[in-house]
Amino acid sequence: MNQSPKTNKEQKLTNFANKIQDIKQLNEKITPEDEEMLKKTFKEHFLFKNKSIEVITSIISSLILKTYEKDVTLFKKGNEGSDFYIIKKGKILIITDYGDKYLKDWETFGEICVNI
């Protein structure tokens, strides 16, 4: 029996449910040392460098910490953009049409989202 493809609304609900499951699996908290590194990271990032410390602190307080296993694909070209990542510890390989690059501790990356 063929199942019909999920509608956009159904897909968004599935994505939301998956994110809730991710939140339930969290076991790590932001330490004071992490908070200082996050403030520095945000102040150096082109999207946030002109924001006040109050705005940056508010963003930090809403962060969700996640741990990923090795060799997990976080997203692929063409996926709907919704997340911004900061690497606390480890490294990640970013593969693009312009070349590949490894990012490491306290570097950032994310999906590009364009709403039309």
N, C-alpha and C. Protein backbone atom coordinates (compact mmCIF):
# COMPACT_ATOMS: atom_id res chain seq x y z
N MET A 1 0.84 -1.18 0.00
CA MET A 1 0.00 0.00 0.00
C MET A 1 0.88 1.24 0.00
N ASN A 2 0.69 2.12 -0.95
CA ASN A 2 1.45 3.36 -1.03
C ASN A 2 0.86 4.40 -0.09
N GLN A 3 1.76 5.04 0.68
CA GLN A 3 1.32 6.14 1.52
C GLN A 3 1.49 7.43 0.74
N SER A 4 0.54 8.34 0.90
CA SER A 4 0.68 9.62 0.22
C SER A 4 1.75 10.44 0.93
N PRO A 5 2.45 11.31 0.18
CA PRO A 5 3.49 12.13 0.81
C PRO A 5 2.88 13.04 1.87
N LYS A 6 3.69 13.34 2.89
CA LYS A 6 3.22 14.21 3.96
C LYS A 6 3.01 15.62 3.43
N THR A 7 1.96 16.25 3.94
CA THR A 7 1.73 17.65 3.60
C THR A 7 2.76 18.49 4.34
N ASN A 8 2.90 19.74 3.94
CA ASN A 8 3.84 20.65 4.60
C ASN A 8 3.52 20.77 6.09
N LYS A 9 2.24 20.85 6.43
CA LYS A 9 1.84 20.96 7.83
C LYS A 9 2.21 19.70 8.61
N GLU A 10 1.96 18.53 8.02
CA GLU A 10 2.31 17.27 8.68
C GLU A 10 3.82 17.17 8.88
N GLN A 11 4.59 17.60 7.89
CA GLN A 11 6.05 17.55 8.01
C GLN A 11 6.54 18.49 9.12
N LYS A 12 5.95 19.67 9.21
CA LYS A 12 6.33 20.60 10.27
C LYS A 12 6.00 20.03 11.64
N LEU A 13 4.86 19.37 11.77
CA LEU A 13 4.49 18.74 13.04
C LEU A 13 5.46 17.62 13.39
N THR A 14 5.87 16.84 12.39
CA THR A 14 6.85 15.78 12.62
C THR A 14 8.17 16.38 13.08
N ASN A 15 8.62 17.43 12.40
CA ASN A 15 9.87 18.10 12.79
C ASN A 15 9.78 18.64 14.21
N PHE A 16 8.63 19.23 14.56
CA PHE A 16 8.43 19.78 15.90
C PHE A 16 8.49 18.65 16.94
N ALA A 17 7.84 17.54 16.66
CA ALA A 17 7.85 16.40 17.58
C ALA A 17 9.27 15.87 17.76
N ASN A 18 10.05 15.83 16.67
CA ASN A 18 11.43 15.38 16.77
C ASN A 18 12.26 16.32 17.64
N LYS A 19 12.03 17.62 17.51
CA LYS A 19 12.77 18.58 18.33
C LYS A 19 12.41 18.44 19.80
N ILE A 20 11.14 18.19 20.09
CA ILE A 20 10.74 17.96 21.48
C ILE A 20 11.44 16.72 22.03
N GLN A 21 11.53 15.67 21.23
CA GLN A 21 12.24 14.46 21.66
C GLN A 21 13.70 14.78 21.94
N ASP A 22 14.34 15.59 21.08
CA ASP A 22 15.73 16.00 21.31
C ASP A 22 15.87 16.72 22.64
N ILE A 23 14.92 17.61 22.95
CA ILE A 23 14.98 18.38 24.19
C ILE A 23 14.88 17.43 25.39
N LYS A 24 14.04 16.42 25.30
CA LYS A 24 13.89 15.47 26.40
C LYS A 24 15.17 14.70 26.67
N GLN A 25 16.04 14.58 25.67
CA GLN A 25 17.27 13.81 25.82
C GLN A 25 18.44 14.65 26.34
N LEU A 26 18.22 15.92 26.60
CA LEU A 26 19.30 16.79 27.05
C LEU A 26 19.73 16.43 28.46
N ASN A 27 21.04 16.50 28.69
CA ASN A 27 21.52 16.23 30.05
C ASN A 27 22.66 17.17 30.41
N GLU A 28 22.87 18.20 29.61
CA GLU A 28 23.99 19.10 29.81
C GLU A 28 23.48 20.51 30.03
N LYS A 29 24.12 21.24 30.90
CA LYS A 29 23.75 22.62 31.21
C LYS A 29 24.87 23.56 30.77
N ILE A 30 24.53 24.81 30.55
CA ILE A 30 25.53 25.82 30.20
C ILE A 30 26.22 26.27 31.48
N THR A 31 27.54 26.10 31.52
CA THR A 31 28.32 26.51 32.68
C THR A 31 28.64 28.01 32.56
N PRO A 32 29.07 28.64 33.66
CA PRO A 32 29.48 30.06 33.57
C PRO A 32 30.61 30.26 32.55
N GLU A 33 31.53 29.31 32.47
CA GLU A 33 32.62 29.40 31.50
C GLU A 33 32.07 29.32 30.07
N ASP A 34 31.11 28.43 29.86
CA ASP A 34 30.46 28.32 28.54
C ASP A 34 29.77 29.63 28.19
N GLU A 35 29.09 30.21 29.16
CA GLU A 35 28.35 31.45 28.90
C GLU A 35 29.30 32.56 28.45
N GLU A 36 30.47 32.64 29.06
CA GLU A 36 31.45 33.66 28.65
C GLU A 36 31.94 33.39 27.23
N MET A 37 32.20 32.14 26.89
CA MET A 37 32.63 31.80 25.53
C MET A 37 31.52 32.07 24.52
N LEU A 38 30.28 31.80 24.91
CA LEU A 38 29.15 32.06 24.02
C LEU A 38 29.00 33.56 23.76
N LYS A 39 29.14 34.36 24.80
CA LYS A 39 29.06 35.82 24.62
C LYS A 39 30.14 36.28 23.64
N LYS A 40 31.35 35.78 23.82
CA LYS A 40 32.45 36.14 22.92
C LYS A 40 32.14 35.68 21.49
N THR A 41 31.64 34.46 21.36
CA THR A 41 31.31 33.91 20.04
C THR A 41 30.26 34.76 19.34
N PHE A 42 29.20 35.11 20.06
CA PHE A 42 28.14 35.94 19.46
C PHE A 42 28.65 37.33 19.10
N LYS A 43 29.45 37.94 19.97
CA LYS A 43 29.94 39.29 19.70
C LYS A 43 30.87 39.33 18.49
N GLU A 44 31.49 38.20 18.15
CA GLU A 44 32.38 38.15 16.99
C GLU A 44 31.67 37.71 15.71
N HIS A 45 30.42 37.24 15.83
CA HIS A 45 29.68 36.74 14.66
C HIS A 45 29.02 37.91 13.92
N PHE A 46 29.09 37.89 12.61
CA PHE A 46 28.57 39.01 11.81
C PHE A 46 27.08 39.27 12.01
N LEU A 47 26.30 38.26 12.34
CA LEU A 47 24.86 38.47 12.54
C LEU A 47 24.54 39.11 13.89
N PHE A 48 25.43 38.96 14.86
CA PHE A 48 25.12 39.38 16.22
C PHE A 48 26.04 40.46 16.77
N LYS A 49 27.12 40.81 16.07
CA LYS A 49 28.13 41.69 16.66
C LYS A 49 27.60 43.08 17.01
N ASN A 50 26.52 43.51 16.40
CA ASN A 50 25.96 44.82 16.73
C ASN A 50 24.82 44.75 17.74
N LYS A 51 24.58 43.58 18.28
CA LYS A 51 23.50 43.42 19.26
C LYS A 51 24.01 43.75 20.66
N SER A 52 23.11 44.20 21.49
CA SER A 52 23.47 44.54 22.88
C SER A 52 23.75 43.26 23.67
N ILE A 53 24.45 43.43 24.77
CA ILE A 53 24.74 42.28 25.64
C ILE A 53 23.44 41.70 26.21
N GLU A 54 22.43 42.54 26.39
CA GLU A 54 21.14 42.06 26.89
C GLU A 54 20.49 41.12 25.87
N VAL A 55 20.56 41.48 24.60
CA VAL A 55 20.00 40.62 23.55
C VAL A 55 20.78 39.32 23.47
N ILE A 56 22.09 39.40 23.51
CA ILE A 56 22.93 38.20 23.44
C ILE A 56 22.67 37.30 24.64
N THR A 57 22.56 37.88 25.82
CA THR A 57 22.26 37.09 27.03
C THR A 57 20.91 36.39 26.91
N SER A 58 19.94 37.09 26.34
CA SER A 58 18.62 36.49 26.13
C SER A 58 18.70 35.31 25.16
N ILE A 59 19.48 35.47 24.10
CA ILE A 59 19.66 34.37 23.14
C ILE A 59 20.31 33.18 23.82
N ILE A 60 21.35 33.44 24.59
CA ILE A 60 22.07 32.36 25.28
C ILE A 60 21.13 31.62 26.22
N SER A 61 20.26 32.35 26.91
CA SER A 61 19.36 31.69 27.86
C SER A 61 18.34 30.78 27.18
N SER A 62 18.14 30.98 25.87
CA SER A 62 17.17 30.15 25.16
C SER A 62 17.84 29.03 24.34
N LEU A 63 19.15 28.91 24.42
CA LEU A 63 19.84 27.87 23.66
C LEU A 63 19.46 26.48 24.14
N ILE A 64 19.46 25.56 23.23
CA ILE A 64 19.22 24.15 23.52
C ILE A 64 20.51 23.39 23.23
N LEU A 65 21.04 22.73 24.25
CA LEU A 65 22.27 21.96 24.07
C LEU A 65 21.93 20.56 23.59
N LYS A 66 22.63 20.13 22.55
CA LYS A 66 22.43 18.79 22.02
C LYS A 66 23.79 18.14 21.81
N THR A 67 23.82 16.84 21.99
CA THR A 67 25.02 16.05 21.72
C THR A 67 24.70 15.14 20.55
N TYR A 68 25.59 15.12 19.57
CA TYR A 68 25.39 14.28 18.40
C TYR A 68 26.46 13.20 18.33
N GLU A 69 26.07 12.04 17.87
CA GLU A 69 27.01 10.96 17.65
C GLU A 69 27.87 11.25 16.43
N LYS A 70 28.99 10.59 16.34
CA LYS A 70 29.88 10.72 15.19
C LYS A 70 29.15 10.29 13.91
N ASP A 71 29.46 10.96 12.81
CA ASP A 71 28.94 10.64 11.47
C ASP A 71 27.45 10.90 11.29
N VAL A 72 26.87 11.79 12.08
CA VAL A 72 25.47 12.16 11.91
C VAL A 72 25.39 13.33 10.93
N THR A 73 24.46 13.25 9.98
CA THR A 73 24.22 14.36 9.06
C THR A 73 23.17 15.27 9.68
N LEU A 74 23.53 16.53 9.90
CA LEU A 74 22.60 17.46 10.53
C LEU A 74 21.61 18.04 9.54
N PHE A 75 22.06 18.35 8.34
CA PHE A 75 21.17 18.79 7.28
C PHE A 75 21.90 18.71 5.96
N LYS A 76 21.12 18.75 4.90
CA LYS A 76 21.66 18.67 3.54
C LYS A 76 21.17 19.86 2.73
N LYS A 77 21.90 20.13 1.66
CA LYS A 77 21.51 21.20 0.75
C LYS A 77 20.06 20.97 0.31
N GLY A 78 19.27 22.02 0.36
CA GLY A 78 17.88 21.92 -0.04
C GLY A 78 16.91 21.74 1.11
N ASN A 79 17.41 21.35 2.32
CA ASN A 79 16.52 21.24 3.47
C ASN A 79 16.04 22.62 3.89
N GLU A 80 14.88 22.68 4.51
CA GLU A 80 14.37 23.94 5.03
C GLU A 80 15.29 24.41 6.15
N GLY A 81 15.72 25.65 6.08
CA GLY A 81 16.63 26.19 7.09
C GLY A 81 15.91 26.58 8.35
N SER A 82 16.44 26.17 9.51
CA SER A 82 15.79 26.54 10.75
C SER A 82 16.73 26.61 11.95
N ASP A 83 17.94 26.10 11.84
CA ASP A 83 18.79 26.00 13.02
C ASP A 83 20.13 26.71 12.83
N PHE A 84 20.66 27.17 13.94
CA PHE A 84 21.97 27.79 14.01
C PHE A 84 22.76 26.98 15.02
N TYR A 85 23.97 26.59 14.69
CA TYR A 85 24.76 25.72 15.55
C TYR A 85 26.02 26.41 16.03
N ILE A 86 26.39 26.12 17.28
CA ILE A 86 27.66 26.53 17.84
C ILE A 86 28.31 25.24 18.35
N ILE A 87 29.50 24.97 17.89
CA ILE A 87 30.19 23.75 18.31
C ILE A 87 30.86 24.02 19.66
N LYS A 88 30.41 23.33 20.69
CA LYS A 88 31.02 23.50 22.00
C LYS A 88 32.32 22.70 22.07
N LYS A 89 32.26 21.47 21.60
CA LYS A 89 33.44 20.61 21.66
C LYS A 89 33.36 19.61 20.52
N GLY A 90 34.45 19.48 19.80
CA GLY A 90 34.49 18.52 18.71
C GLY A 90 34.75 19.20 17.39
N LYS A 91 34.42 18.52 16.32
CA LYS A 91 34.58 19.11 14.99
C LYS A 91 33.50 18.57 14.07
N ILE A 92 33.25 19.33 13.02
CA ILE A 92 32.22 18.95 12.06
C ILE A 92 32.73 19.28 10.66
N LEU A 93 32.38 18.43 9.73
CA LEU A 93 32.76 18.65 8.34
C LEU A 93 31.59 19.31 7.62
N ILE A 94 31.87 20.45 7.00
CA ILE A 94 30.89 21.17 6.19
C ILE A 94 31.26 20.92 4.73
N ILE A 95 30.33 20.37 3.97
CA ILE A 95 30.58 20.08 2.56
C ILE A 95 29.71 21.03 1.73
N THR A 96 30.35 21.84 0.88
CA THR A 96 29.61 22.78 0.05
C THR A 96 30.09 22.70 -1.39
N ASP A 97 29.39 23.41 -2.25
CA ASP A 97 29.80 23.49 -3.65
C ASP A 97 31.13 24.23 -3.80
N TYR A 98 31.50 24.98 -2.78
CA TYR A 98 32.71 25.80 -2.83
C TYR A 98 33.92 25.11 -2.19
N GLY A 99 33.73 23.92 -1.66
CA GLY A 99 34.81 23.19 -1.00
C GLY A 99 34.38 22.72 0.37
N ASP A 100 35.18 21.86 0.93
CA ASP A 100 34.90 21.28 2.24
C ASP A 100 35.75 21.98 3.31
N LYS A 101 35.21 22.01 4.54
CA LYS A 101 35.92 22.68 5.63
C LYS A 101 35.53 22.04 6.95
N TYR A 102 36.51 21.87 7.82
CA TYR A 102 36.24 21.42 9.18
C TYR A 102 36.07 22.62 10.08
N LEU A 103 35.06 22.59 10.94
CA LEU A 103 34.87 23.59 11.98
C LEU A 103 35.12 22.92 13.32
N LYS A 104 35.58 23.70 14.29
CA LYS A 104 35.91 23.13 15.60
C LYS A 104 35.32 23.97 16.73
N ASP A 105 35.80 23.71 17.93
CA ASP A 105 35.25 24.32 19.14
C ASP A 105 34.96 25.81 18.98
N TRP A 106 33.72 26.18 19.35
CA TRP A 106 33.21 27.54 19.40
C TRP A 106 33.06 28.21 18.04
N GLU A 107 33.15 27.44 16.96
CA GLU A 107 32.83 27.99 15.65
C GLU A 107 31.35 27.75 15.39
N THR A 108 30.79 28.50 14.45
CA THR A 108 29.35 28.47 14.19
C THR A 108 29.05 28.10 12.75
N PHE A 109 27.84 27.59 12.55
CA PHE A 109 27.35 27.32 11.20
C PHE A 109 25.85 27.17 11.30
N GLY A 110 25.18 27.18 10.14
CA GLY A 110 23.73 27.01 10.15
C GLY A 110 23.20 26.92 8.75
N GLU A 111 21.92 26.62 8.70
CA GLU A 111 21.23 26.53 7.42
C GLU A 111 20.85 27.93 6.96
N ILE A 112 20.85 28.14 5.70
CA ILE A 112 20.40 29.41 5.16
C ILE A 112 18.95 29.25 4.77
N CYS A 113 18.11 30.13 5.31
CA CYS A 113 16.68 30.04 5.06
C CYS A 113 16.23 31.28 4.31
N VAL A 114 15.52 31.06 3.24
CA VAL A 114 14.98 32.17 2.47
C VAL A 114 13.47 31.99 2.39
N ASN A 115 12.74 32.93 2.95
CA ASN A 115 11.29 32.89 2.84
C ASN A 115 10.86 33.76 1.68
N ILE A 116 10.06 33.19 0.79
CA ILE A 116 9.60 33.93 -0.38
C ILE A 116 8.12 34.23 -0.23
